[in-house]
C-alpha atoms as a PDB file:
ATOM      1  CA  UNK A   1       0.304   0.171  -0.011  1.00  0.00           C
ATOM      2  CA  UNK A   2       1.717   3.262  -1.169  1.00  0.00           C
ATOM      3  CA  UNK A   3       1.399   6.230   1.211  1.00  0.00           C
ATOM      4  CA  UNK A   4       0.427   9.605  -0.092  1.00  0.00           C
ATOM      5  CA  UNK A   5       3.525  11.630  -0.574  1.00  0.00           C
ATOM      6  CA  UNK A   6       4.004  15.383   1.202  1.00  0.00           C
ATOM      7  CA  UNK A   7       2.623  18.403  -0.667  1.00  0.00           C
ATOM      8  CA  UNK A   8       0.118  15.997  -2.408  1.00  0.00           C
ATOM      9  CA  UNK A   9      -2.656  16.343   0.492  1.00  0.00           C
ATOM     10  CA  UNK A  10      -4.740  19.164  -1.142  1.00  0.00           C
ATOM     11  CA  UNK A  11      -5.281  16.816  -4.527  1.00  0.00           C
ATOM     12  CA  UNK A  12      -6.135  13.807  -1.945  1.00  0.00           C
ATOM     13  CA  UNK A  13      -8.774  16.278  -0.498  1.00  0.00           C
ATOM     14  CA  UNK A  14     -10.901  17.364  -4.253  1.00  0.00           C
ATOM     15  CA  UNK A  15     -10.370  13.789  -4.520  1.00  0.00           C
ATOM     16  CA  UNK A  16     -12.302  12.879  -1.561  1.00  0.00           C
ATOM     17  CA  UNK A  17     -14.750  15.791  -1.795  1.00  0.00           C
ATOM     18  CA  UNK A  18     -16.156  14.486  -4.806  1.00  0.00           C
ATOM     19  CA  UNK A  19     -16.553  10.643  -3.140  1.00  0.00           C
ATOM     20  CA  UNK A  20     -18.870  12.988  -1.082  1.00  0.00           C
ATOM     21  CA  UNK A  21     -20.794  14.778  -3.487  1.00  0.00           C
ATOM     22  CA  UNK A  22     -21.279  11.211  -5.548  1.00  0.00           C
ATOM     23  CA  UNK A  23     -22.278   9.754  -1.911  1.00  0.00           C
ATOM     24  CA  UNK A  24     -20.100   6.884  -1.806  1.00  0.00           C
ATOM     25  CA  UNK A  25     -19.486   7.038   2.314  1.00  0.00           C
ATOM     26  CA  UNK A  26     -18.731   3.483   2.693  1.00  0.00           C
ATOM     27  CA  UNK A  27     -15.078   2.234   4.157  1.00  0.00           C
ATOM     28  CA  UNK A  28     -14.725   0.258   1.176  1.00  0.00           C
ATOM     29  CA  UNK A  29     -15.161   3.166  -1.161  1.00  0.00           C
ATOM     30  CA  UNK A  30     -12.562   4.925   0.611  1.00  0.00           C
ATOM     31  CA  UNK A  31     -10.001   2.373   0.583  1.00  0.00           C
ATOM     32  CA  UNK A  32     -10.555   2.299  -3.182  1.00  0.00           C
ATOM     33  CA  UNK A  33     -10.640   5.971  -3.575  1.00  0.00           C
ATOM     34  CA  UNK A  34      -7.222   6.074  -1.718  1.00  0.00           C
ATOM     35  CA  UNK A  35      -5.724   3.531  -3.661  1.00  0.00           C
ATOM     36  CA  UNK A  36      -6.375   5.220  -7.106  1.00  0.00           C
ATOM     37  CA  UNK A  37      -5.143   8.287  -5.671  1.00  0.00           C
ATOM     38  CA  UNK A  38      -1.941   6.541  -4.680  1.00  0.00           C
ATOM     39  CA  UNK A  39      -1.809   5.506  -8.573  1.00  0.00           C
ATOM     40  CA  UNK A  40      -2.709   8.965  -9.857  1.00  0.00           C
ATOM     41  CA  UNK A  41      -0.046  10.164  -8.059  1.00  0.00           C
ATOM     42  CA  UNK A  42       2.196   7.797  -9.178  1.00  0.00           C
ATOM     43  CA  UNK A  43       4.976   7.492  -6.101  1.00  0.00           C
ATOM     44  CA  UNK A  44       6.507   4.044  -4.753  1.00  0.00           C
ATOM     45  CA  UNK A  45       6.224   2.864  -1.321  1.00  0.00           C
ATOM     46  CA  UNK A  46       9.207   4.254   0.498  1.00  0.00           C
ATOM     47  CA  UNK A  47      10.264   4.130   4.004  1.00  0.00           C
ATOM     48  CA  UNK A  48       9.302   6.932   6.060  1.00  0.00           C
ATOM     49  CA  UNK A  49      10.768   9.923   6.022  1.00  0.00           C
ATOM     50  CA  UNK A  50      13.298  11.962   8.651  1.00  0.00           C
ATOM     51  CA  UNK A  51       9.888  13.746   9.358  1.00  0.00           C
ATOM     52  CA  UNK A  52       7.666  10.967  10.039  1.00  0.00           C
ATOM     53  CA  UNK A  53      10.244   9.365  11.859  1.00  0.00           C
ATOM     54  CA  UNK A  54       9.993  11.877  14.298  1.00  0.00           C
ATOM     55  CA  UNK A  55       6.239  11.537  14.486  1.00  0.00           C
ATOM     56  CA  UNK A  56       6.405   8.021  14.633  1.00  0.00           C
ATOM     57  CA  UNK A  57       7.333   7.345  18.460  1.00  0.00           C
ATOM     58  CA  UNK A  58       5.276   9.602  20.908  1.00  0.00           C
ATOM     59  CA  UNK A  59       6.663  11.284  24.125  1.00  0.00           C
ATOM     60  CA  UNK A  60       4.034  10.078  26.781  1.00  0.00           C
ATOM     61  CA  UNK A  61       5.619   8.315  29.679  1.00  0.00           C
ATOM     62  CA  UNK A  62       2.509   6.024  31.019  1.00  0.00           C
ATOM     63  CA  UNK A  63       3.222   2.554  31.724  1.00  0.00           C
ATOM     64  CA  UNK A  64       0.448   0.922  28.863  1.00  0.00           C
ATOM     65  CA  UNK A  65      -1.270  -2.000  29.932  1.00  0.00           C
ATOM     66  CA  UNK A  66      -1.683  -3.730  27.115  1.00  0.00           C
ATOM     67  CA  UNK A  67      -0.114  -3.126  23.470  1.00  0.00           C
ATOM     68  CA  UNK A  68      -2.133  -3.031  20.475  1.00  0.00           C
ATOM     69  CA  UNK A  69      -0.930  -3.405  17.422  1.00  0.00           C
ATOM     70  CA  UNK A  70      -2.084  -2.664  13.754  1.00  0.00           C
ATOM     71  CA  UNK A  71      -0.719  -4.846  11.074  1.00  0.00           C
ATOM     72  CA  UNK A  72      -0.112  -2.757   8.047  1.00  0.00           C
ATOM     73  CA  UNK A  73      -3.496  -0.539   8.238  1.00  0.00           C
ATOM     74  CA  UNK A  74      -4.962   1.279   5.653  1.00  0.00           C
ATOM     75  CA  UNK A  75      -7.436   3.625   6.430  1.00  0.00           C
ATOM     76  CA  UNK A  76      -6.620   6.477   8.977  1.00  0.00           C
ATOM     77  CA  UNK A  77     -10.127   7.369  11.234  1.00  0.00           C
ATOM     78  CA  UNK A  78     -10.219   3.620  11.867  1.00  0.00           C
ATOM     79  CA  UNK A  79      -6.628   4.157  13.106  1.00  0.00           C
ATOM     80  CA  UNK A  80      -7.799   7.313  15.367  1.00  0.00           C
ATOM     81  CA  UNK A  81     -10.590   5.495  16.533  1.00  0.00           C
ATOM     82  CA  UNK A  82      -8.547   2.774  18.043  1.00  0.00           C
ATOM     83  CA  UNK A  83      -5.910   5.746  19.101  1.00  0.00           C
ATOM     84  CA  UNK A  84      -8.723   6.900  21.410  1.00  0.00           C
ATOM     85  CA  UNK A  85      -9.736   3.535  22.647  1.00  0.00           C
ATOM     86  CA  UNK A  86      -5.828   2.777  23.707  1.00  0.00           C
ATOM     87  CA  UNK A  87      -6.117   6.665  25.418  1.00  0.00           C
ATOM     88  CA  UNK A  88      -9.214   5.043  27.163  1.00  0.00           C
ATOM     89  CA  UNK A  89      -7.838   1.969  28.789  1.00  0.00           C
ATOM     90  CA  UNK A  90      -4.008   3.321  29.178  1.00  0.00           C
ATOM     91  CA  UNK A  91      -2.752   0.841  26.059  1.00  0.00           C
ATOM     92  CA  UNK A  92       0.538   1.589  23.503  1.00  0.00           C
ATOM     93  CA  UNK A  93      -0.730   1.829  20.046  1.00  0.00           C
ATOM     94  CA  UNK A  94       1.773   0.313  17.483  1.00  0.00           C
ATOM     95  CA  UNK A  95       1.452   0.167  13.708  1.00  0.00           C
ATOM     96  CA  UNK A  96       3.941  -1.895  11.235  1.00  0.00           C
ATOM     97  CA  UNK A  97       4.214  -0.264   8.121  1.00  0.00           C
ATOM     98  CA  UNK A  98       3.143  -0.154   5.266  1.00  0.00           C
ATOM     99  CA  UNK A  99       0.482   2.196   6.099  1.00  0.00           C
ATOM    100  CA  UNK A 100      -2.351   3.296   4.058  1.00  0.00           C
ATOM    101  CA  UNK A 101      -1.998   7.050   5.304  1.00  0.00           C
ATOM    102  CA  UNK A 102       0.613   9.521   6.638  1.00  0.00           C
ATOM    103  CA  UNK A 103       1.587  10.082  10.299  1.00  0.00           C
ATOM    104  CA  UNK A 104       2.317  13.387  10.087  1.00  0.00           C
ATOM    105  CA  UNK A 105      -0.262  16.347  11.089  1.00  0.00           C
ATOM    106  CA  UNK A 106      -2.290  16.864   8.163  1.00  0.00           C
ATOM    107  CA  UNK A 107      -3.803  12.994   8.787  1.00  0.00           C
ATOM    108  CA  UNK A 108      -3.606  13.171  12.906  1.00  0.00           C
ATOM    109  CA  UNK A 109      -6.735  15.593  12.371  1.00  0.00           C
ATOM    110  CA  UNK A 110      -8.202  13.369  10.542  1.00  0.00           C
ATOM    111  CA  UNK A 111      -7.691  10.366  12.518  1.00  0.00           C
ATOM    112  CA  UNK A 112      -8.074  11.797  15.954  1.00  0.00           C
ATOM    113  CA  UNK A 113      -5.812  14.575  17.018  1.00  0.00           C
ATOM    114  CA  UNK A 114      -7.838  15.683  19.908  1.00  0.00           C
ATOM    115  CA  UNK A 115      -6.766  12.635  21.776  1.00  0.00           C
ATOM    116  CA  UNK A 116      -3.235  11.475  20.182  1.00  0.00           C
ATOM    117  CA  UNK A 117      -2.013  14.142  21.965  1.00  0.00           C
ATOM    118  CA  UNK A 118      -2.231  12.197  25.164  1.00  0.00           C
ATOM    119  CA  UNK A 119      -1.639   8.604  23.545  1.00  0.00           C
ATOM    120  CA  UNK A 120       1.333   6.380  23.057  1.00  0.00           C
ATOM    121  CA  UNK A 121       2.379   5.225  20.220  1.00  0.00           C
ATOM    122  CA  UNK A 122       4.557   4.114  17.783  1.00  0.00           C
ATOM    123  CA  UNK A 123       5.162   3.160  14.252  1.00  0.00           C
ATOM    124  CA  UNK A 124       7.550   0.300  13.161  1.00  0.00           C
ATOM    125  CA  UNK A 125       8.997  -0.290  10.010  1.00  0.00           C
ATOM    126  CA  UNK A 126       8.161  -4.119   9.806  1.00  0.00           C
ATOM    127  CA  UNK A 127       7.356  -6.765  11.812  1.00  0.00           C
ATOM    128  CA  UNK A 128      11.114  -7.935  12.752  1.00  0.00           C
ATOM    129  CA  UNK A 129      11.324  -4.496  14.207  1.00  0.00           C
ATOM    130  CA  UNK A 130       7.990  -5.156  16.346  1.00  0.00           C
ATOM    131  CA  UNK A 131       9.045  -8.529  17.574  1.00  0.00           C
ATOM    132  CA  UNK A 132      12.635  -7.222  18.427  1.00  0.00           C
ATOM    133  CA  UNK A 133      10.728  -4.045  20.859  1.00  0.00           C
ATOM    134  CA  UNK A 134       8.503  -6.605  22.614  1.00  0.00           C
ATOM    135  CA  UNK A 135      10.706  -9.683  23.158  1.00  0.00           C
ATOM    136  CA  UNK A 136       8.983 -11.156  26.300  1.00  0.00           C
ATOM    137  CA  UNK A 137       5.209 -10.116  26.105  1.00  0.00           C
ATOM    138  CA  UNK A 138       2.771 -12.387  24.531  1.00  0.00           C
ATOM    139  CA  UNK A 139       0.710 -12.091  21.429  1.00  0.00           C
ATOM    140  CA  UNK A 140      -2.414 -12.582  20.604  1.00  0.00           C
ATOM    141  CA  UNK A 141      -3.738 -12.512  17.086  1.00  0.00           C
ATOM    142  CA  UNK A 142      -7.170 -11.567  16.084  1.00  0.00           C
ATOM    143  CA  UNK A 143      -8.796 -13.326  13.107  1.00  0.00           C
ATOM    144  CA  UNK A 144     -12.068 -14.822  11.561  1.00  0.00           C
ATOM    145  CA  UNK A 145     -10.075 -17.908  10.881  1.00  0.00           C
ATOM    146  CA  UNK A 146      -9.063 -18.491  14.144  1.00  0.00           C
ATOM    147  CA  UNK A 147     -10.851 -21.841  16.371  1.00  0.00           C
ATOM    148  CA  UNK A 148     -11.099 -20.105  19.721  1.00  0.00           C
ATOM    149  CA  UNK A 149     -13.308 -17.508  20.956  1.00  0.00           C
ATOM    150  CA  UNK A 150     -11.767 -14.575  22.941  1.00  0.00           C
ATOM    151  CA  UNK A 151     -13.936 -14.959  26.127  1.00  0.00           C
ATOM    152  CA  UNK A 152     -12.180 -18.375  26.429  1.00  0.00           C
ATOM    153  CA  UNK A 153      -8.691 -16.722  27.197  1.00  0.00           C
ATOM    154  CA  UNK A 154      -7.134 -14.923  30.574  1.00  0.00           C
ATOM    155  CA  UNK A 155      -5.194 -11.752  29.234  1.00  0.00           C
ATOM    156  CA  UNK A 156      -2.340 -10.283  31.430  1.00  0.00           C
ATOM    157  CA  UNK A 157      -0.898  -6.733  31.650  1.00  0.00           C
ATOM    158  CA  UNK A 158       1.670  -6.202  29.109  1.00  0.00           C
ATOM    159  CA  UNK A 159      -0.515  -8.766  26.567  1.00  0.00           C
ATOM    160  CA  UNK A 160      -0.090  -7.967  22.667  1.00  0.00           C
ATOM    161  CA  UNK A 161      -3.175  -7.686  20.560  1.00  0.00           C
ATOM    162  CA  UNK A 162      -2.638  -7.713  17.184  1.00  0.00           C
ATOM    163  CA  UNK A 163      -5.089  -7.126  14.245  1.00  0.00           C
ATOM    164  CA  UNK A 164      -4.835  -6.830  10.922  1.00  0.00           C
ATOM    165  CA  UNK A 165      -5.685  -4.741   7.810  1.00  0.00           C
ATOM    166  CA  UNK A 166      -9.384  -4.408   7.241  1.00  0.00           C
ATOM    167  CA  UNK A 167      -8.959  -5.752   3.436  1.00  0.00           C
ATOM    168  CA  UNK A 168      -6.942  -9.006   4.160  1.00  0.00           C
ATOM    169  CA  UNK A 169      -6.414  -9.433   8.044  1.00  0.00           C
ATOM    170  CA  UNK A 170      -3.199 -11.168   9.319  1.00  0.00           C
ATOM    171  CA  UNK A 171      -1.327 -13.226   6.993  1.00  0.00           C
ATOM    172  CA  UNK A 172      -1.057 -17.070   7.064  1.00  0.00           C
ATOM    173  CA  UNK A 173       2.131 -16.935   7.985  1.00  0.00           C
ATOM    174  CA  UNK A 174       1.840 -15.294  11.395  1.00  0.00           C
ATOM    175  CA  UNK A 175      -1.841 -16.868  11.977  1.00  0.00           C
ATOM    176  CA  UNK A 176       0.192 -20.150  11.294  1.00  0.00           C
ATOM    177  CA  UNK A 177       3.115 -19.390  13.390  1.00  0.00           C
ATOM    178  CA  UNK A 178       1.049 -20.277  16.978  1.00  0.00           C
ATOM    179  CA  UNK A 179      -2.521 -21.286  16.079  1.00  0.00           C
ATOM    180  CA  UNK A 180      -3.103 -21.800  19.816  1.00  0.00           C
ATOM    181  CA  UNK A 181      -2.820 -17.530  20.579  1.00  0.00           C
ATOM    182  CA  UNK A 182      -5.140 -17.062  17.624  1.00  0.00           C
ATOM    183  CA  UNK A 183      -8.255 -15.320  19.119  1.00  0.00           C
ATOM    184  CA  UNK A 184     -11.551 -14.363  16.964  1.00  0.00           C
ATOM    185  CA  UNK A 185     -14.907 -12.525  18.471  1.00  0.00           C
ATOM    186  CA  UNK A 186     -18.439 -14.400  17.507  1.00  0.00           C
ATOM    187  CA  UNK A 187     -20.776 -12.833  14.565  1.00  0.00           C
ATOM    188  CA  UNK A 188     -23.889 -14.038  13.094  1.00  0.00           C
ATOM    189  CA  UNK A 189     -23.158 -15.252   9.448  1.00  0.00           C
ATOM    190  CA  UNK A 190     -24.477 -12.541   7.936  1.00  0.00           C
ATOM    191  CA  UNK A 191     -21.079 -10.405   9.085  1.00  0.00           C
ATOM    192  CA  UNK A 192     -17.583 -11.323   8.026  1.00  0.00           C
ATOM    193  CA  UNK A 193     -16.201  -9.292  10.589  1.00  0.00           C
ATOM    194  CA  UNK A 194     -16.512  -6.384  12.673  1.00  0.00           C
ATOM    195  CA  UNK A 195     -14.492  -2.871  12.145  1.00  0.00           C
ATOM    196  CA  UNK A 196     -11.238  -2.436  12.789  1.00  0.00           C
ATOM    197  CA  UNK A 197     -11.977  -0.073  15.665  1.00  0.00           C
ATOM    198  CA  UNK A 198     -15.018  -2.125  17.111  1.00  0.00           C
ATOM    199  CA  UNK A 199     -12.828  -5.211  17.562  1.00  0.00           C
ATOM    200  CA  UNK A 200     -10.042  -3.407  19.322  1.00  0.00           C
ATOM    201  CA  UNK A 201     -12.613  -1.732  21.761  1.00  0.00           C
ATOM    202  CA  UNK A 202     -14.169  -5.266  22.338  1.00  0.00           C
ATOM    203  CA  UNK A 203     -10.602  -7.240  23.003  1.00  0.00           C
ATOM    204  CA  UNK A 204      -9.127  -4.228  25.211  1.00  0.00           C
ATOM    205  CA  UNK A 205     -12.537  -3.600  27.389  1.00  0.00           C
ATOM    206  CA  UNK A 206     -12.350  -7.246  28.276  1.00  0.00           C
ATOM    207  CA  UNK A 207      -9.263  -7.489  29.166  1.00  0.00           C
ATOM    208  CA  UNK A 208      -9.963  -4.829  31.698  1.00  0.00           C
ATOM    209  CA  UNK A 209     -12.862  -6.850  32.985  1.00  0.00           C
ATOM    210  CA  UNK A 210     -10.865  -9.252  33.484  1.00  0.00           C
ATOM    211  CA  UNK A 211      -8.383  -7.161  35.567  1.00  0.00           C
ATOM    212  CA  UNK A 212     -11.540  -5.882  37.818  1.00  0.00           C
ATOM    213  CA  UNK A 213     -11.717  -2.615  35.403  1.00  0.00           C
ATOM    214  CA  UNK A 214      -9.451   0.860  35.123  1.00  0.00           C
ATOM    215  CA  UNK A 215      -7.449   1.589  37.654  1.00  0.00           C
ATOM    216  CA  UNK A 216      -6.363   5.261  38.717  1.00  0.00           C
ATOM    217  CA  UNK A 217      -6.828   8.594  39.064  1.00  0.00           C
ATOM    218  CA  UNK A 218      -9.419  10.578  37.144  1.00  0.00           C
ATOM    219  CA  UNK A 219     -11.551   8.058  35.848  1.00  0.00           C
ATOM    220  CA  UNK A 220     -14.819   9.097  34.265  1.00  0.00           C
END
């Protein structure tokens, strides 16, 4: 998934406004629109710029109770909503490249900037970099292909909850590496899966429920 280069945001806004006029409001349409725009610009996928490197590691100092990983997320509004949930429960958000959006101020304004200032978050270039930074924490992988449900397991503080991208989910090589750590959220057969941000909320608050709820000052 290519990232929209700096300086091209205004052109993407024109594409986005056109989709609104045409009443195309689904996440799938937004994703298709972004792919079309990226091909139109013709920029190749690259490692993050020096500016993005500075933005890809937050300076918030709280100790996270959970680690939430978005593996190659595609839709900025989902990432923003997940960030809000992470602030609410005291989790750290990790995003594994490539991303379907930039992580500069332009996209943060559209993805939950009101909450981003309180969020501990980090972007890594690949899966190996993520596992290198979380070598001791147990990983849980969310997938509709899993057998056991999220209510059948016991979560512990510092667990890592891994969620796949919106269009493809997690790759088979990650799921197959440890099938006993794969979880699903049950749904009726008419629904293939829940929205990414909803899924994060379900698991994050189930972990908190198992631990007796949120602890600390300033709770509402």
